[in-house]
N, C-alpha and C. Protein backbone atom coordinates (compact mmCIF):
# COMPACT_ATOMS: atom_id res chain seq x y z
N UNK A 1 0.84 -1.18 0.00
CA UNK A 1 0.00 0.00 0.00
C UNK A 1 0.88 1.24 0.00
N UNK A 2 1.78 1.30 0.93
CA UNK A 2 2.64 2.47 1.09
C UNK A 2 3.49 2.72 -0.15
N UNK A 3 3.98 1.67 -0.77
CA UNK A 3 4.85 1.85 -1.93
C UNK A 3 4.09 2.31 -3.18
N UNK A 4 2.77 2.28 -3.13
CA UNK A 4 1.95 2.73 -4.26
C UNK A 4 1.15 3.99 -3.92
N UNK A 5 1.71 4.80 -3.03
CA UNK A 5 1.04 6.02 -2.58
C UNK A 5 1.81 7.24 -3.04
N UNK A 6 1.06 8.27 -3.44
CA UNK A 6 1.66 9.55 -3.78
C UNK A 6 1.22 10.58 -2.74
N UNK A 7 1.99 11.65 -2.64
CA UNK A 7 1.72 12.68 -1.63
C UNK A 7 1.62 14.04 -2.30
N UNK A 8 0.69 14.85 -1.81
CA UNK A 8 0.55 16.24 -2.26
C UNK A 8 0.64 17.13 -1.03
N UNK A 9 1.57 18.06 -1.08
CA UNK A 9 1.83 18.99 0.02
C UNK A 9 2.28 18.28 1.30
N UNK A 10 2.66 17.04 1.15
CA UNK A 10 3.34 16.27 2.19
C UNK A 10 4.54 15.61 1.52
N UNK A 11 5.51 15.24 2.34
CA UNK A 11 6.61 14.40 1.89
C UNK A 11 6.55 13.09 2.68
N UNK A 12 7.09 12.06 2.11
CA UNK A 12 7.12 10.76 2.77
C UNK A 12 7.72 10.85 4.17
N UNK A 13 8.62 11.79 4.37
CA UNK A 13 9.32 11.93 5.66
C UNK A 13 8.57 12.78 6.68
N UNK A 14 7.47 13.42 6.30
CA UNK A 14 6.72 14.25 7.25
C UNK A 14 6.14 13.40 8.37
N UNK A 15 6.13 13.95 9.57
CA UNK A 15 5.69 13.19 10.74
C UNK A 15 4.25 12.71 10.61
N UNK A 16 3.37 13.50 10.00
CA UNK A 16 1.98 13.08 9.85
C UNK A 16 1.88 11.85 8.96
N UNK A 17 2.73 11.75 7.96
CA UNK A 17 2.74 10.58 7.07
C UNK A 17 3.30 9.37 7.82
N UNK A 18 4.33 9.58 8.60
CA UNK A 18 4.85 8.48 9.42
C UNK A 18 3.78 7.99 10.39
N UNK A 19 3.07 8.91 11.03
CA UNK A 19 1.98 8.52 11.94
C UNK A 19 0.88 7.79 11.21
N UNK A 20 0.53 8.26 10.00
CA UNK A 20 -0.52 7.61 9.22
C UNK A 20 -0.17 6.14 8.98
N UNK A 21 1.05 5.87 8.50
CA UNK A 21 1.43 4.48 8.21
C UNK A 21 1.57 3.66 9.49
N UNK A 22 1.98 4.29 10.58
CA UNK A 22 2.01 3.58 11.87
C UNK A 22 0.60 3.15 12.24
N UNK A 23 -0.36 4.05 12.06
CA UNK A 23 -1.75 3.73 12.38
C UNK A 23 -2.27 2.61 11.48
N UNK A 24 -1.98 2.67 10.19
CA UNK A 24 -2.41 1.63 9.26
C UNK A 24 -1.89 0.26 9.73
N UNK A 25 -0.66 0.23 10.22
CA UNK A 25 -0.09 -1.02 10.71
C UNK A 25 -0.70 -1.46 12.04
N UNK A 26 -1.15 -0.50 12.85
CA UNK A 26 -1.65 -0.80 14.20
C UNK A 26 -3.13 -1.21 14.23
N UNK A 27 -3.92 -0.79 13.26
CA UNK A 27 -5.36 -1.05 13.31
C UNK A 27 -5.68 -2.46 12.81
N UNK A 28 -6.91 -2.88 13.08
CA UNK A 28 -7.35 -4.22 12.69
C UNK A 28 -7.57 -4.31 11.18
N UNK A 29 -7.67 -5.53 10.68
CA UNK A 29 -7.96 -5.73 9.26
C UNK A 29 -9.29 -5.09 8.88
N UNK A 30 -10.28 -5.20 9.76
CA UNK A 30 -11.59 -4.59 9.49
C UNK A 30 -11.47 -3.07 9.38
N UNK A 31 -10.70 -2.46 10.25
CA UNK A 31 -10.51 -1.01 10.18
C UNK A 31 -9.74 -0.60 8.93
N UNK A 32 -8.76 -1.41 8.53
CA UNK A 32 -8.04 -1.13 7.28
C UNK A 32 -8.98 -1.22 6.09
N UNK A 33 -9.88 -2.18 6.12
CA UNK A 33 -10.87 -2.32 5.06
C UNK A 33 -11.78 -1.10 5.02
N UNK A 34 -12.18 -0.60 6.19
CA UNK A 34 -13.02 0.61 6.24
C UNK A 34 -12.26 1.84 5.76
N UNK A 35 -10.98 1.91 6.09
CA UNK A 35 -10.16 3.01 5.59
C UNK A 35 -10.07 2.96 4.08
N UNK A 36 -9.83 1.78 3.54
CA UNK A 36 -9.78 1.63 2.08
C UNK A 36 -11.11 2.03 1.45
N UNK A 37 -12.22 1.62 2.05
CA UNK A 37 -13.52 2.00 1.51
C UNK A 37 -13.76 3.51 1.63
N UNK A 38 -13.33 4.10 2.73
CA UNK A 38 -13.49 5.53 2.94
C UNK A 38 -12.78 6.32 1.85
N UNK A 39 -11.58 5.87 1.46
CA UNK A 39 -10.78 6.63 0.50
C UNK A 39 -11.09 6.26 -0.95
N UNK A 40 -11.37 4.98 -1.21
CA UNK A 40 -11.53 4.55 -2.60
C UNK A 40 -12.96 4.24 -3.01
N UNK A 41 -13.84 4.07 -2.04
CA UNK A 41 -15.22 3.72 -2.35
C UNK A 41 -15.45 2.22 -2.41
N UNK A 42 -14.42 1.42 -2.21
CA UNK A 42 -14.57 -0.03 -2.18
C UNK A 42 -13.68 -0.62 -1.09
N UNK A 43 -14.15 -1.69 -0.48
CA UNK A 43 -13.37 -2.32 0.59
C UNK A 43 -12.45 -3.41 0.05
N UNK A 44 -12.46 -3.60 -1.27
CA UNK A 44 -11.63 -4.64 -1.88
C UNK A 44 -10.63 -4.03 -2.86
N UNK A 45 -9.48 -4.65 -2.90
CA UNK A 45 -8.44 -4.22 -3.84
C UNK A 45 -8.64 -4.89 -5.19
N UNK A 46 -8.15 -4.28 -6.25
CA UNK A 46 -8.12 -4.97 -7.53
C UNK A 46 -7.24 -6.23 -7.41
N UNK A 47 -7.40 -7.16 -8.32
CA UNK A 47 -6.62 -8.40 -8.28
C UNK A 47 -5.14 -8.10 -8.26
N UNK A 48 -4.70 -7.06 -8.98
CA UNK A 48 -3.29 -6.71 -9.03
C UNK A 48 -2.80 -5.89 -7.86
N UNK A 49 -3.67 -5.61 -6.89
CA UNK A 49 -3.26 -4.87 -5.70
C UNK A 49 -3.32 -3.36 -5.88
N UNK A 50 -2.65 -2.66 -5.00
CA UNK A 50 -2.70 -1.20 -4.98
C UNK A 50 -2.16 -0.56 -6.25
N UNK A 51 -1.27 -1.24 -6.92
CA UNK A 51 -0.71 -0.66 -8.15
C UNK A 51 -1.76 -0.54 -9.25
N UNK A 52 -2.90 -1.21 -9.10
CA UNK A 52 -3.94 -1.18 -10.13
C UNK A 52 -5.23 -0.48 -9.67
N UNK A 53 -5.13 0.34 -8.65
CA UNK A 53 -6.31 1.10 -8.22
C UNK A 53 -6.81 1.96 -9.37
N UNK A 54 -8.12 2.03 -9.51
CA UNK A 54 -8.72 2.81 -10.58
C UNK A 54 -9.49 3.98 -9.99
N UNK A 55 -9.48 5.08 -10.70
CA UNK A 55 -10.26 6.26 -10.35
C UNK A 55 -11.21 6.59 -11.48
N UNK A 56 -11.76 7.77 -11.47
CA UNK A 56 -12.73 8.18 -12.48
C UNK A 56 -12.15 8.20 -13.88
N UNK A 57 -10.86 8.45 -13.99
CA UNK A 57 -10.24 8.60 -15.31
C UNK A 57 -9.20 7.53 -15.59
N UNK A 58 -9.38 6.36 -15.02
CA UNK A 58 -8.42 5.28 -15.24
C UNK A 58 -7.59 5.03 -14.00
N UNK A 59 -6.39 4.50 -14.23
CA UNK A 59 -5.51 4.16 -13.10
C UNK A 59 -5.24 5.39 -12.24
N UNK A 60 -5.42 5.23 -10.95
CA UNK A 60 -5.29 6.35 -10.02
C UNK A 60 -4.69 5.85 -8.72
N UNK A 61 -3.46 6.23 -8.43
CA UNK A 61 -2.80 5.79 -7.21
C UNK A 61 -3.50 6.36 -5.97
N UNK A 62 -3.30 5.68 -4.85
CA UNK A 62 -3.73 6.17 -3.55
C UNK A 62 -2.95 7.45 -3.26
N UNK A 63 -3.63 8.49 -2.83
CA UNK A 63 -3.00 9.79 -2.62
C UNK A 63 -3.36 10.34 -1.24
N UNK A 64 -2.36 10.87 -0.56
CA UNK A 64 -2.60 11.59 0.70
C UNK A 64 -2.20 13.04 0.47
N UNK A 65 -3.16 13.93 0.69
CA UNK A 65 -2.92 15.35 0.47
C UNK A 65 -3.08 16.11 1.78
N UNK A 66 -2.16 17.05 2.01
CA UNK A 66 -2.29 17.93 3.18
C UNK A 66 -3.42 18.91 2.89
N UNK A 67 -4.48 18.80 3.65
CA UNK A 67 -5.64 19.67 3.44
C UNK A 67 -6.49 19.65 4.71
N UNK A 68 -7.12 20.76 4.98
CA UNK A 68 -8.00 20.85 6.13
C UNK A 68 -7.30 21.46 7.34
N UNK A 69 -8.11 21.70 8.37
CA UNK A 69 -7.61 22.30 9.60
C UNK A 69 -7.36 21.23 10.64
N UNK A 70 -6.43 21.51 11.53
CA UNK A 70 -6.01 20.53 12.52
C UNK A 70 -7.16 20.00 13.37
N UNK A 71 -8.18 20.79 13.61
CA UNK A 71 -9.29 20.32 14.44
C UNK A 71 -10.39 19.62 13.64
N UNK A 72 -10.22 19.51 12.32
CA UNK A 72 -11.23 18.88 11.48
C UNK A 72 -10.94 17.41 11.23
N UNK A 73 -11.94 16.74 10.66
CA UNK A 73 -11.78 15.34 10.29
C UNK A 73 -11.14 15.23 8.91
N UNK A 74 -10.44 14.14 8.65
CA UNK A 74 -9.97 13.89 7.29
C UNK A 74 -11.17 13.75 6.35
N UNK A 75 -10.97 14.07 5.10
CA UNK A 75 -12.00 13.91 4.09
C UNK A 75 -11.46 13.04 2.98
N UNK A 76 -12.36 12.46 2.21
CA UNK A 76 -11.91 11.61 1.10
C UNK A 76 -12.58 12.05 -0.19
N UNK A 77 -11.91 11.71 -1.27
CA UNK A 77 -12.41 11.96 -2.62
C UNK A 77 -12.29 10.62 -3.34
N UNK A 78 -13.36 9.81 -3.26
CA UNK A 78 -13.29 8.44 -3.75
C UNK A 78 -13.05 8.35 -5.25
N UNK A 79 -13.47 9.33 -6.01
CA UNK A 79 -13.23 9.29 -7.46
C UNK A 79 -11.75 9.41 -7.79
N UNK A 80 -10.97 9.92 -6.84
CA UNK A 80 -9.54 10.14 -7.07
C UNK A 80 -8.66 9.35 -6.09
N UNK A 81 -9.27 8.48 -5.28
CA UNK A 81 -8.53 7.68 -4.29
C UNK A 81 -7.66 8.57 -3.41
N UNK A 82 -8.24 9.70 -3.01
CA UNK A 82 -7.46 10.70 -2.27
C UNK A 82 -7.99 10.90 -0.86
N UNK A 83 -7.06 10.95 0.08
CA UNK A 83 -7.35 11.26 1.48
C UNK A 83 -6.81 12.65 1.77
N UNK A 84 -7.68 13.56 2.18
CA UNK A 84 -7.26 14.88 2.64
C UNK A 84 -6.97 14.77 4.13
N UNK A 85 -5.70 14.83 4.48
CA UNK A 85 -5.27 14.63 5.86
C UNK A 85 -4.76 15.94 6.43
N UNK A 86 -5.47 16.49 7.42
CA UNK A 86 -5.00 17.73 8.05
C UNK A 86 -3.65 17.53 8.75
N UNK A 87 -2.93 18.60 8.98
CA UNK A 87 -1.62 18.52 9.63
C UNK A 87 -1.75 18.41 11.16
N UNK A 88 -2.15 17.25 11.62
CA UNK A 88 -2.34 17.03 13.06
C UNK A 88 -1.02 17.17 13.81
N UNK A 89 -1.14 17.56 15.08
CA UNK A 89 0.05 17.82 15.89
C UNK A 89 0.49 16.64 16.74
N UNK A 90 -0.28 15.54 16.74
CA UNK A 90 0.14 14.36 17.50
C UNK A 90 -0.44 13.09 16.86
N UNK A 91 0.21 11.97 17.17
CA UNK A 91 -0.28 10.68 16.70
C UNK A 91 -1.67 10.42 17.25
N UNK A 92 -1.87 10.69 18.52
CA UNK A 92 -3.18 10.43 19.14
C UNK A 92 -4.29 11.23 18.47
N UNK A 93 -4.00 12.46 18.10
CA UNK A 93 -5.00 13.29 17.42
C UNK A 93 -5.30 12.71 16.03
N UNK A 94 -4.28 12.33 15.29
CA UNK A 94 -4.49 11.73 13.98
C UNK A 94 -5.31 10.46 14.10
N UNK A 95 -4.97 9.63 15.05
CA UNK A 95 -5.68 8.36 15.26
C UNK A 95 -7.15 8.61 15.59
N UNK A 96 -7.40 9.50 16.53
CA UNK A 96 -8.79 9.78 16.94
C UNK A 96 -9.61 10.31 15.77
N UNK A 97 -9.06 11.25 15.04
CA UNK A 97 -9.80 11.89 13.94
C UNK A 97 -10.01 10.93 12.76
N UNK A 98 -8.97 10.18 12.40
CA UNK A 98 -9.09 9.28 11.26
C UNK A 98 -10.04 8.12 11.58
N UNK A 99 -9.92 7.54 12.75
CA UNK A 99 -10.83 6.44 13.11
C UNK A 99 -12.26 6.94 13.20
N UNK A 100 -12.44 8.12 13.72
CA UNK A 100 -13.80 8.70 13.77
C UNK A 100 -14.36 8.88 12.37
N UNK A 101 -13.54 9.37 11.47
CA UNK A 101 -13.99 9.59 10.09
C UNK A 101 -14.38 8.28 9.41
N UNK A 102 -13.57 7.25 9.56
CA UNK A 102 -13.89 6.01 8.86
C UNK A 102 -15.00 5.21 9.52
N UNK A 103 -15.21 5.41 10.82
CA UNK A 103 -16.23 4.64 11.52
C UNK A 103 -17.58 5.33 11.55
N UNK A 104 -17.62 6.62 11.33
CA UNK A 104 -18.88 7.35 11.44
C UNK A 104 -19.44 7.85 10.12
N UNK A 105 -18.87 7.39 9.03
CA UNK A 105 -19.38 7.83 7.73
C UNK A 105 -19.92 6.65 6.96
N UNK A 106 -20.95 6.91 6.19
CA UNK A 106 -21.52 5.93 5.29
C UNK A 106 -21.84 6.64 4.01
N UNK A 107 -21.39 6.08 2.90
CA UNK A 107 -21.69 6.69 1.62
C UNK A 107 -21.16 8.10 1.55
N UNK A 108 -22.02 9.03 1.11
CA UNK A 108 -21.58 10.42 0.92
C UNK A 108 -21.89 11.30 2.12
N UNK A 109 -22.55 10.78 3.13
CA UNK A 109 -22.89 11.61 4.28
C UNK A 109 -22.43 10.97 5.55
N UNK A 110 -22.57 11.69 6.62
CA UNK A 110 -22.18 11.14 7.90
C UNK A 110 -23.39 10.54 8.58
N UNK A 111 -23.13 9.52 9.38
CA UNK A 111 -24.20 8.84 10.11
C UNK A 111 -24.63 9.72 11.27
């Protein structure tokens, strides 16, 4: 997953990106599936894995973009496989906000 991700306004070395991948490794398979669905619109990968993710206009890599305010929830753009991740100031804050976003949303609206 990580090796097939692109970043906008973040670098791979930024602490928020390191925290994001730490969280991906720490959460359950079910939560990873929900995260994948939150960002891509599907809980299943293509047969070829992350390298073959499709978006509205064909092949579209998983993308994490720095966007939003620190006190807000992450947002997703499923047509572009993009996660808008605010610049959180701690791992715990990123974890709380991201898990809340993936667990409390259904479809295009919040539960």
